[in-house]
Amino acid sequence: MATCEVCGNDYWMAFEVRTVSGDVHTFDSFECAIHRMAPICEHCEVKIVGHGVEVNGRFFCCGHCARSVERTEGAEIRDAVGARPA
């Protein structure tokens, strides 16, 4: 068994996440993995648990937050592409 590095639970179904830099993290749930590894939006400070957007090396959860902080480059960020459904 392995111990979750966030909550300390010793769990037989724990899993490892390996990063590009070679770090290895052990978690017992996706919740703990998100808590430790998800980036934080630089505007509203929520955990980014999806694609999010990056502008000038800064991470945001959505286009609205990117536009609120990065007025020039963020102005071109859109959350959805195409026409709105009728």
N, C-alpha and C. Protein backbone atom coordinates (compact mmCIF):
# COMPACT_ATOMS: atom_id res chain seq x y z
N MET A 1 0.84 -1.18 0.00
CA MET A 1 0.00 0.00 0.00
C MET A 1 0.88 1.24 0.00
N ALA A 2 0.27 2.34 -0.41
CA ALA A 2 1.00 3.60 -0.46
C ALA A 2 0.22 4.67 0.29
N THR A 3 0.93 5.65 0.80
CA THR A 3 0.32 6.71 1.60
C THR A 3 0.15 7.98 0.78
N CYS A 4 -1.06 8.56 0.83
CA CYS A 4 -1.35 9.81 0.14
C CYS A 4 -0.56 10.94 0.77
N GLU A 5 0.11 11.73 -0.06
CA GLU A 5 0.92 12.82 0.47
C GLU A 5 0.10 14.01 0.94
N VAL A 6 -1.19 14.05 0.64
CA VAL A 6 -2.05 15.14 1.10
C VAL A 6 -2.74 14.80 2.41
N CYS A 7 -3.47 13.68 2.41
CA CYS A 7 -4.29 13.36 3.59
C CYS A 7 -3.68 12.30 4.50
N GLY A 8 -2.64 11.60 4.03
CA GLY A 8 -1.99 10.60 4.85
C GLY A 8 -2.66 9.24 4.86
N ASN A 9 -3.72 9.06 4.07
CA ASN A 9 -4.43 7.79 4.02
C ASN A 9 -3.54 6.72 3.39
N ASP A 10 -3.46 5.58 4.03
CA ASP A 10 -2.72 4.43 3.51
C ASP A 10 -3.72 3.56 2.76
N TYR A 11 -3.64 3.55 1.43
CA TYR A 11 -4.71 3.00 0.61
C TYR A 11 -4.16 2.06 -0.45
N TRP A 12 -4.77 0.91 -0.61
CA TRP A 12 -4.28 -0.08 -1.56
C TRP A 12 -4.47 0.35 -3.02
N MET A 13 -5.36 1.32 -3.29
CA MET A 13 -5.56 1.79 -4.66
C MET A 13 -4.94 3.17 -4.90
N ALA A 14 -3.98 3.56 -4.08
CA ALA A 14 -3.28 4.83 -4.29
C ALA A 14 -2.59 4.79 -5.65
N PHE A 15 -2.36 5.97 -6.21
CA PHE A 15 -1.72 6.05 -7.53
C PHE A 15 -0.65 7.13 -7.52
N GLU A 16 0.23 7.05 -8.50
CA GLU A 16 1.32 8.01 -8.64
C GLU A 16 1.06 8.93 -9.82
N VAL A 17 1.48 10.19 -9.66
CA VAL A 17 1.47 11.15 -10.76
C VAL A 17 2.91 11.58 -10.95
N ARG A 18 3.40 11.43 -12.17
CA ARG A 18 4.78 11.81 -12.50
C ARG A 18 4.74 13.08 -13.35
N THR A 19 5.52 14.07 -12.95
CA THR A 19 5.52 15.34 -13.67
C THR A 19 6.63 15.35 -14.72
N VAL A 20 6.57 16.32 -15.59
CA VAL A 20 7.58 16.47 -16.64
C VAL A 20 8.97 16.66 -16.03
N SER A 21 9.03 17.33 -14.89
CA SER A 21 10.32 17.58 -14.24
C SER A 21 10.87 16.36 -13.53
N GLY A 22 10.08 15.26 -13.49
CA GLY A 22 10.54 14.04 -12.86
C GLY A 22 10.05 13.82 -11.44
N ASP A 23 9.32 14.78 -10.89
CA ASP A 23 8.77 14.60 -9.55
C ASP A 23 7.71 13.51 -9.57
N VAL A 24 7.60 12.77 -8.47
CA VAL A 24 6.59 11.72 -8.34
C VAL A 24 5.76 12.02 -7.10
N HIS A 25 4.43 12.04 -7.28
CA HIS A 25 3.51 12.32 -6.18
C HIS A 25 2.58 11.13 -6.01
N THR A 26 2.22 10.81 -4.78
CA THR A 26 1.32 9.70 -4.49
C THR A 26 0.04 10.23 -3.85
N PHE A 27 -1.11 9.79 -4.41
CA PHE A 27 -2.41 10.25 -3.92
C PHE A 27 -3.35 9.07 -3.78
N ASP A 28 -4.35 9.23 -2.92
CA ASP A 28 -5.37 8.19 -2.77
C ASP A 28 -6.65 8.55 -3.51
N SER A 29 -6.74 9.77 -4.04
CA SER A 29 -7.94 10.21 -4.75
C SER A 29 -7.59 11.35 -5.69
N PHE A 30 -8.47 11.55 -6.68
CA PHE A 30 -8.28 12.69 -7.58
C PHE A 30 -8.44 13.99 -6.80
N GLU A 31 -9.31 13.98 -5.80
CA GLU A 31 -9.50 15.18 -5.00
C GLU A 31 -8.19 15.64 -4.37
N CYS A 32 -7.44 14.71 -3.81
CA CYS A 32 -6.16 15.07 -3.20
C CYS A 32 -5.14 15.50 -4.26
N ALA A 33 -5.16 14.83 -5.41
CA ALA A 33 -4.25 15.21 -6.50
C ALA A 33 -4.54 16.63 -6.97
N ILE A 34 -5.81 16.96 -7.13
CA ILE A 34 -6.21 18.31 -7.55
C ILE A 34 -5.79 19.32 -6.49
N HIS A 35 -6.04 19.00 -5.24
CA HIS A 35 -5.69 19.90 -4.14
C HIS A 35 -4.21 20.27 -4.19
N ARG A 36 -3.35 19.28 -4.45
CA ARG A 36 -1.91 19.51 -4.43
C ARG A 36 -1.37 20.09 -5.74
N MET A 37 -1.92 19.66 -6.89
CA MET A 37 -1.25 19.94 -8.16
C MET A 37 -1.92 20.95 -9.08
N ALA A 38 -3.22 21.19 -8.92
CA ALA A 38 -3.91 22.08 -9.85
C ALA A 38 -3.43 23.52 -9.70
N PRO A 39 -3.22 24.20 -10.84
CA PRO A 39 -2.85 25.61 -10.74
C PRO A 39 -4.04 26.42 -10.22
N ILE A 40 -3.76 27.61 -9.74
CA ILE A 40 -4.79 28.49 -9.19
C ILE A 40 -4.96 29.69 -10.12
N CYS A 41 -6.22 30.01 -10.41
CA CYS A 41 -6.53 31.16 -11.27
C CYS A 41 -5.99 32.44 -10.62
N GLU A 42 -5.28 33.24 -11.41
CA GLU A 42 -4.67 34.45 -10.88
C GLU A 42 -5.66 35.60 -10.70
N HIS A 43 -6.91 35.38 -11.07
CA HIS A 43 -7.92 36.41 -10.85
C HIS A 43 -8.87 36.03 -9.72
N CYS A 44 -9.57 34.90 -9.85
CA CYS A 44 -10.58 34.52 -8.85
C CYS A 44 -10.06 33.51 -7.83
N GLU A 45 -8.87 32.98 -8.04
CA GLU A 45 -8.18 32.08 -7.11
C GLU A 45 -8.83 30.71 -6.93
N VAL A 46 -9.64 30.24 -7.90
CA VAL A 46 -10.15 28.88 -7.83
C VAL A 46 -9.11 27.93 -8.42
N LYS A 47 -9.20 26.66 -8.05
CA LYS A 47 -8.33 25.65 -8.65
C LYS A 47 -8.77 25.44 -10.09
N ILE A 48 -7.83 25.36 -11.00
CA ILE A 48 -8.15 25.16 -12.41
C ILE A 48 -8.17 23.67 -12.68
N VAL A 49 -9.37 23.11 -12.86
CA VAL A 49 -9.55 21.68 -13.04
C VAL A 49 -10.09 21.44 -14.44
N GLY A 50 -9.43 21.93 -15.41
CA GLY A 50 -9.84 21.81 -16.80
C GLY A 50 -8.74 22.42 -17.63
N HIS A 51 -9.07 22.80 -18.82
CA HIS A 51 -8.06 23.38 -19.69
C HIS A 51 -7.59 24.74 -19.21
N GLY A 52 -8.53 25.59 -18.80
CA GLY A 52 -8.15 26.93 -18.41
C GLY A 52 -7.50 27.65 -19.57
N VAL A 53 -6.95 28.82 -19.32
CA VAL A 53 -6.25 29.57 -20.36
C VAL A 53 -4.97 30.15 -19.78
N GLU A 54 -4.01 30.35 -20.66
CA GLU A 54 -2.73 30.93 -20.27
C GLU A 54 -2.48 32.17 -21.10
N VAL A 55 -2.16 33.27 -20.44
CA VAL A 55 -1.83 34.52 -21.11
C VAL A 55 -0.56 35.06 -20.48
N ASN A 56 0.47 35.25 -21.30
CA ASN A 56 1.73 35.80 -20.81
C ASN A 56 2.30 35.01 -19.63
N GLY A 57 2.15 33.68 -19.66
CA GLY A 57 2.69 32.84 -18.60
C GLY A 57 1.87 32.83 -17.33
N ARG A 58 0.70 33.45 -17.35
CA ARG A 58 -0.20 33.47 -16.20
C ARG A 58 -1.39 32.58 -16.49
N PHE A 59 -1.89 31.87 -15.47
CA PHE A 59 -2.97 30.91 -15.67
C PHE A 59 -4.29 31.44 -15.11
N PHE A 60 -5.35 31.21 -15.90
CA PHE A 60 -6.69 31.64 -15.52
C PHE A 60 -7.66 30.50 -15.77
N CYS A 61 -8.75 30.48 -15.00
CA CYS A 61 -9.73 29.41 -15.15
C CYS A 61 -10.61 29.59 -16.39
N CYS A 62 -10.74 30.83 -16.87
CA CYS A 62 -11.63 31.08 -18.00
C CYS A 62 -11.22 32.37 -18.71
N GLY A 63 -11.85 32.60 -19.87
CA GLY A 63 -11.57 33.80 -20.64
C GLY A 63 -11.94 35.07 -19.90
N HIS A 64 -13.02 35.05 -19.14
CA HIS A 64 -13.44 36.24 -18.38
C HIS A 64 -12.34 36.68 -17.42
N CYS A 65 -11.78 35.73 -16.68
CA CYS A 65 -10.72 36.07 -15.72
C CYS A 65 -9.47 36.56 -16.46
N ALA A 66 -9.14 35.93 -17.58
CA ALA A 66 -7.97 36.36 -18.36
C ALA A 66 -8.17 37.79 -18.86
N ARG A 67 -9.36 38.11 -19.36
CA ARG A 67 -9.64 39.45 -19.86
C ARG A 67 -9.64 40.48 -18.73
N SER A 68 -10.03 40.07 -17.54
CA SER A 68 -10.08 40.98 -16.40
C SER A 68 -8.70 41.42 -15.95
N VAL A 69 -7.71 40.56 -16.12
CA VAL A 69 -6.36 40.85 -15.64
C VAL A 69 -5.44 41.28 -16.78
N GLU A 70 -5.45 40.55 -17.86
CA GLU A 70 -4.57 40.81 -19.01
C GLU A 70 -5.39 41.52 -20.09
N ARG A 71 -5.58 42.80 -19.93
CA ARG A 71 -6.49 43.56 -20.79
C ARG A 71 -6.12 43.50 -22.27
N THR A 72 -4.87 43.60 -22.63
CA THR A 72 -4.49 43.62 -24.04
C THR A 72 -4.52 42.24 -24.66
N GLU A 73 -3.65 41.33 -24.21
CA GLU A 73 -3.61 39.99 -24.77
C GLU A 73 -4.84 39.18 -24.37
N GLY A 74 -5.37 39.42 -23.19
CA GLY A 74 -6.54 38.71 -22.71
C GLY A 74 -7.79 39.03 -23.50
N ALA A 75 -7.81 40.18 -24.14
CA ALA A 75 -8.99 40.58 -24.92
C ALA A 75 -9.30 39.60 -26.03
N GLU A 76 -8.30 38.86 -26.49
CA GLU A 76 -8.50 37.91 -27.59
C GLU A 76 -8.90 36.52 -27.11
N ILE A 77 -8.92 36.29 -25.82
CA ILE A 77 -9.26 34.97 -25.28
C ILE A 77 -10.77 34.80 -25.27
N ARG A 78 -11.22 33.66 -25.77
CA ARG A 78 -12.65 33.33 -25.76
C ARG A 78 -12.83 31.96 -25.13
N ASP A 79 -13.89 31.78 -24.36
CA ASP A 79 -14.17 30.50 -23.72
C ASP A 79 -14.74 29.48 -24.69
N ALA A 80 -15.45 29.94 -25.70
CA ALA A 80 -16.07 29.03 -26.67
C ALA A 80 -15.86 29.61 -28.08
N VAL A 81 -15.74 28.72 -29.04
CA VAL A 81 -15.53 29.15 -30.42
C VAL A 81 -16.81 28.88 -31.20
N GLY A 82 -17.16 29.78 -32.08
CA GLY A 82 -18.32 29.56 -32.93
C GLY A 82 -19.56 30.28 -32.45
N ALA A 83 -20.63 30.02 -33.15
CA ALA A 83 -21.89 30.70 -32.85
C ALA A 83 -22.58 30.07 -31.65
N ARG A 84 -23.36 30.87 -31.01
CA ARG A 84 -24.18 30.40 -29.90
C ARG A 84 -25.30 29.49 -30.41
N PRO A 85 -25.62 28.47 -29.66
CA PRO A 85 -26.75 27.63 -30.09
C PRO A 85 -28.05 28.43 -30.07
N ALA A 86 -28.94 28.09 -30.97
CA ALA A 86 -30.22 28.82 -31.06
C ALA A 86 -31.19 28.36 -29.98
